[in-house]
C-alpha atoms as a PDB file:
ATOM      1  CA  MET A   1      10.870   3.478 -15.462  1.00  0.00           C
ATOM      2  CA  LEU A   2       8.403   4.039 -12.499  1.00  0.00           C
ATOM      3  CA  LEU A   3       8.426   2.308  -9.622  1.00  0.00           C
ATOM      4  CA  ALA A   4       5.894  -0.731  -9.646  1.00  0.00           C
ATOM      5  CA  ARG A   5       3.747   0.065  -6.539  1.00  0.00           C
ATOM      6  CA  GLN A   6       2.159  -3.862  -6.251  1.00  0.00           C
ATOM      7  CA  GLY A   7       4.485  -7.210  -5.454  1.00  0.00           C
ATOM      8  CA  VAL A   8       4.470 -10.454  -4.367  1.00  0.00           C
ATOM      9  CA  VAL A   9       6.469 -11.168  -0.854  1.00  0.00           C
ATOM     10  CA  PHE A  10       9.116 -12.912  -1.555  1.00  0.00           C
ATOM     11  CA  THR A  11      10.417 -13.484   2.377  1.00  0.00           C
ATOM     12  CA  ALA A  12       9.529 -11.330   5.422  1.00  0.00           C
ATOM     13  CA  THR A  13      11.035 -11.181   9.021  1.00  0.00           C
ATOM     14  CA  ARG A  14       9.709  -9.321  12.340  1.00  0.00           C
ATOM     15  CA  GLU A  15      12.783  -8.089  13.455  1.00  0.00           C
ATOM     16  CA  HIS A  16      13.068  -7.180  17.435  1.00  0.00           C
ATOM     17  CA  TYR A  17      16.316  -4.949  16.954  1.00  0.00           C
ATOM     18  CA  PHE A  18      14.788  -2.424  15.221  1.00  0.00           C
ATOM     19  CA  PRO A  19      14.434   0.538  17.315  1.00  0.00           C
ATOM     20  CA  SER A  20      10.688   1.481  17.319  1.00  0.00           C
ATOM     21  CA  PRO A  21       8.136   2.274  19.384  1.00  0.00           C
ATOM     22  CA  ASP A  22       5.964  -0.528  18.263  1.00  0.00           C
ATOM     23  CA  ALA A  23       8.651  -3.264  18.323  1.00  0.00           C
ATOM     24  CA  PRO A  24       8.587  -5.600  16.841  1.00  0.00           C
ATOM     25  CA  THR A  25       8.811  -4.445  13.174  1.00  0.00           C
ATOM     26  CA  GLY A  26       7.533  -6.161  10.427  1.00  0.00           C
ATOM     27  CA  MET A  27      10.145  -6.023   7.231  1.00  0.00           C
ATOM     28  CA  ALA A  28       9.027  -7.382   3.739  1.00  0.00           C
ATOM     29  CA  VAL A  29      11.572  -8.262   0.668  1.00  0.00           C
ATOM     30  CA  VAL A  30       8.904  -7.597  -1.953  1.00  0.00           C
ATOM     31  CA  ASP A  31       9.153  -9.025  -5.713  1.00  0.00           C
ATOM     32  CA  LEU A  32       8.174  -6.267  -7.510  1.00  0.00           C
ATOM     33  CA  ASP A  33       5.175  -6.287 -10.546  1.00  0.00           C
ATOM     34  CA  GLY A  34       7.737  -5.631 -13.759  1.00  0.00           C
ATOM     35  CA  GLY A  35      10.943  -6.219 -12.135  1.00  0.00           C
ATOM     36  CA  GLY A  36      13.297  -5.676  -9.457  1.00  0.00           C
ATOM     37  CA  ARG A  37      13.306  -6.417  -5.612  1.00  0.00           C
ATOM     38  CA  GLY A  38      13.302  -4.299  -2.634  1.00  0.00           C
ATOM     39  CA  VAL A  39      13.357  -4.195   1.495  1.00  0.00           C
ATOM     40  CA  PHE A  40      10.421  -2.445   2.991  1.00  0.00           C
ATOM     41  CA  GLN A  41       8.532  -2.153   6.307  1.00  0.00           C
ATOM     42  CA  VAL A  42       5.255  -3.531   7.019  1.00  0.00           C
ATOM     43  CA  ALA A  43       2.371  -1.575   7.869  1.00  0.00           C
ATOM     44  CA  ASP A  44      -1.179  -2.787   8.706  1.00  0.00           C
ATOM     45  CA  ALA A  45      -0.344  -6.201   8.700  1.00  0.00           C
ATOM     46  CA  PRO A  46      -1.599  -8.825  11.442  1.00  0.00           C
ATOM     47  CA  PRO A  47       0.686  -9.787  13.889  1.00  0.00           C
ATOM     48  CA  ASP A  48       2.457 -13.119  12.144  1.00  0.00           C
ATOM     49  CA  GLY A  49       2.634 -10.704   9.424  1.00  0.00           C
ATOM     50  CA  LEU A  50       2.717 -11.436   5.661  1.00  0.00           C
ATOM     51  CA  ALA A  51       2.584 -15.075   4.383  1.00  0.00           C
ATOM     52  CA  VAL A  52       5.604 -15.653   1.648  1.00  0.00           C
ATOM     53  CA  GLY A  53       3.725 -15.355  -1.793  1.00  0.00           C
ATOM     54  CA  ALA A  54       1.088 -12.615  -0.374  1.00  0.00           C
ATOM     55  CA  ARG A  55       0.264  -9.793  -2.733  1.00  0.00           C
ATOM     56  CA  VAL A  56       1.265  -6.281  -1.567  1.00  0.00           C
ATOM     57  CA  ARG A  57       1.239  -2.764  -2.292  1.00  0.00           C
ATOM     58  CA  LEU A  58       3.589  -0.283  -1.434  1.00  0.00           C
ATOM     59  CA  VAL A  59       1.890   2.959   0.224  1.00  0.00           C
ATOM     60  CA  TRP A  60       3.839   6.178   1.197  1.00  0.00           C
ATOM     61  CA  ARG A  61       3.513   6.178   5.013  1.00  0.00           C
ATOM     62  CA  LYS A  62       6.132   8.177   8.067  1.00  0.00           C
ATOM     63  CA  TYR A  63       8.829   5.962   8.614  1.00  0.00           C
ATOM     64  CA  HIS A  64      10.732   7.718  11.537  1.00  0.00           C
ATOM     65  CA  ASP A  65      11.023  11.162  12.960  1.00  0.00           C
ATOM     66  CA  ALA A  66      14.759  12.514  12.759  1.00  0.00           C
ATOM     67  CA  GLY A  67      15.952  16.350  13.565  1.00  0.00           C
ATOM     68  CA  GLY A  68      12.697  17.701  14.277  1.00  0.00           C
ATOM     69  CA  PHE A  69      10.798  16.497  10.852  1.00  0.00           C
ATOM     70  CA  PRO A  70       9.115  13.470   9.961  1.00  0.00           C
ATOM     71  CA  HIS A  71      10.847  11.382   7.536  1.00  0.00           C
ATOM     72  CA  TYR A  72       8.440   9.181   4.642  1.00  0.00           C
ATOM     73  CA  PHE A  73       9.054   6.395   2.798  1.00  0.00           C
ATOM     74  CA  TRP A  74       7.176   2.947   1.081  1.00  0.00           C
ATOM     75  CA  LYS A  75       5.618   0.822   3.122  1.00  0.00           C
ATOM     76  CA  ALA A  76       3.960  -2.631   2.151  1.00  0.00           C
ATOM     77  CA  VAL A  77       0.699  -3.431   3.024  1.00  0.00           C
ATOM     78  CA  ALA A  78      -1.311  -6.290   2.203  1.00  0.00           C
ATOM     79  CA  ASP A  79      -3.716  -5.696  -1.157  1.00  0.00           C
ATOM     80  CA  ALA A  80      -6.679  -5.339  -0.439  1.00  0.00           C
ATOM     81  CA  THR A  81      -8.235  -6.886  -3.878  1.00  0.00           C
ATOM     82  CA  ALA A  82      -6.229  -9.948  -3.376  1.00  0.00           C
ATOM     83  CA  LEU A  83      -7.158 -10.482   0.696  1.00  0.00           C
ATOM     84  CA  ALA A  84     -11.159  -9.616  -1.215  1.00  0.00           C
ATOM     85  CA  ALA A  85     -10.406 -12.354  -3.619  1.00  0.00           C
ATOM     86  CA  ARG A  86      -8.912 -14.972  -1.224  1.00  0.00           C
ATOM     87  CA  GLY A  87     -12.159 -14.265   1.321  1.00  0.00           C
ATOM     88  CA  ALA A  88     -14.634 -15.251  -1.670  1.00  0.00           C
ATOM     89  CA  ARG A  89     -13.206 -18.389  -1.932  1.00  0.00           C
END
Protein backbone atom coordinates (compact mmCIF):
# COMPACT_ATOMS: atom_id res chain seq x y z
CA MET A 1 0.00 0.00 0.00
CA LEU A 2 1.31 3.44 -0.91
CA LEU A 3 1.16 6.52 1.28
CA ALA A 4 -1.99 8.52 0.61
CA ARG A 5 -1.04 12.04 -0.38
CA GLN A 6 -4.25 13.72 0.76
CA GLY A 7 -5.92 13.96 4.12
CA VAL A 8 -7.60 16.08 6.79
CA VAL A 9 -5.96 18.08 9.57
CA PHE A 10 -6.66 16.38 12.91
CA THR A 11 -4.82 19.02 14.97
CA ALA A 12 -2.23 21.70 14.30
CA THR A 13 0.14 23.94 16.19
CA ARG A 14 2.89 26.51 15.73
CA GLU A 15 6.13 25.43 17.37
CA HIS A 16 8.33 28.24 18.59
CA TYR A 17 11.06 25.97 19.99
CA PHE A 18 11.79 24.02 16.79
CA PRO A 19 15.09 25.28 15.33
CA SER A 20 14.13 27.03 12.13
CA PRO A 21 15.25 30.15 10.30
CA ASP A 22 11.56 30.96 9.80
CA ALA A 23 10.17 30.29 13.29
CA PRO A 24 7.54 29.55 14.34
CA THR A 25 7.25 26.26 12.47
CA GLY A 26 3.75 25.11 11.58
CA MET A 27 3.08 21.45 12.36
CA ALA A 28 -0.02 19.36 11.67
CA VAL A 29 -1.23 15.90 12.54
CA VAL A 30 -2.98 14.66 9.40
CA ASP A 31 -5.47 11.81 9.08
CA LEU A 32 -4.56 10.38 5.69
CA ASP A 33 -7.21 9.24 3.23
CA GLY A 34 -7.38 5.46 3.32
CA GLY A 35 -6.11 5.24 6.91
CA GLY A 36 -3.09 6.25 8.91
CA ARG A 37 -2.03 9.41 10.67
CA GLY A 38 1.20 11.38 10.39
CA VAL A 39 2.91 14.48 11.77
CA PHE A 40 4.11 16.89 9.11
CA GLN A 41 5.58 20.37 8.82
CA VAL A 42 3.14 22.81 7.22
CA ALA A 43 4.21 24.73 4.10
CA ASP A 44 2.64 27.66 2.24
CA ALA A 45 0.07 28.35 4.97
CA PRO A 46 -1.19 31.64 6.40
CA PRO A 47 0.37 32.79 9.71
CA ASP A 48 -2.49 31.28 11.73
CA GLY A 49 -1.77 27.88 10.12
CA LEU A 50 -4.24 25.26 8.96
CA ALA A 51 -7.60 24.81 10.64
CA VAL A 52 -8.74 21.50 12.10
CA GLY A 53 -10.71 19.71 9.40
CA ALA A 54 -8.90 21.44 6.52
CA ARG A 55 -8.15 19.30 3.47
CA VAL A 56 -4.42 19.05 2.77
CA ARG A 57 -2.14 17.31 0.34
CA LEU A 58 1.41 16.14 0.91
CA VAL A 59 4.24 17.58 -1.17
CA TRP A 60 7.92 16.64 -1.32
CA ARG A 61 9.88 19.63 0.01
CA LYS A 62 13.24 20.51 1.48
CA TYR A 63 13.18 19.79 5.22
CA HIS A 64 16.61 21.11 6.28
CA ASP A 65 20.34 20.97 5.56
CA ALA A 66 22.56 18.67 7.60
CA GLY A 67 26.07 17.39 7.06
CA GLY A 68 26.41 19.61 4.01
CA PHE A 69 23.47 17.94 2.25
CA PRO A 70 19.83 18.93 1.80
CA HIS A 71 17.26 16.61 3.36
CA TYR A 72 13.75 16.28 1.96
CA PHE A 73 10.49 15.03 3.44
CA TRP A 74 6.73 15.30 2.97
CA LYS A 75 5.09 18.56 4.05
CA ALA A 76 1.38 19.38 4.35
CA VAL A 77 -0.06 22.17 2.20
CA ALA A 78 -3.65 23.35 1.86
CA ASP A 79 -5.45 21.47 -0.91
CA ALA A 80 -6.02 24.02 -3.70
CA THR A 81 -9.11 22.13 -4.91
CA ALA A 82 -10.67 22.36 -1.46
CA LEU A 83 -9.74 26.04 -1.15
CA ALA A 84 -11.32 26.82 -4.54
CA ALA A 85 -14.52 25.04 -3.54
CA ARG A 86 -14.65 26.93 -0.25
CA GLY A 87 -14.10 30.26 -2.05
CA ALA A 88 -16.97 29.54 -4.47
CA ARG A 89 -19.52 29.37 -1.67
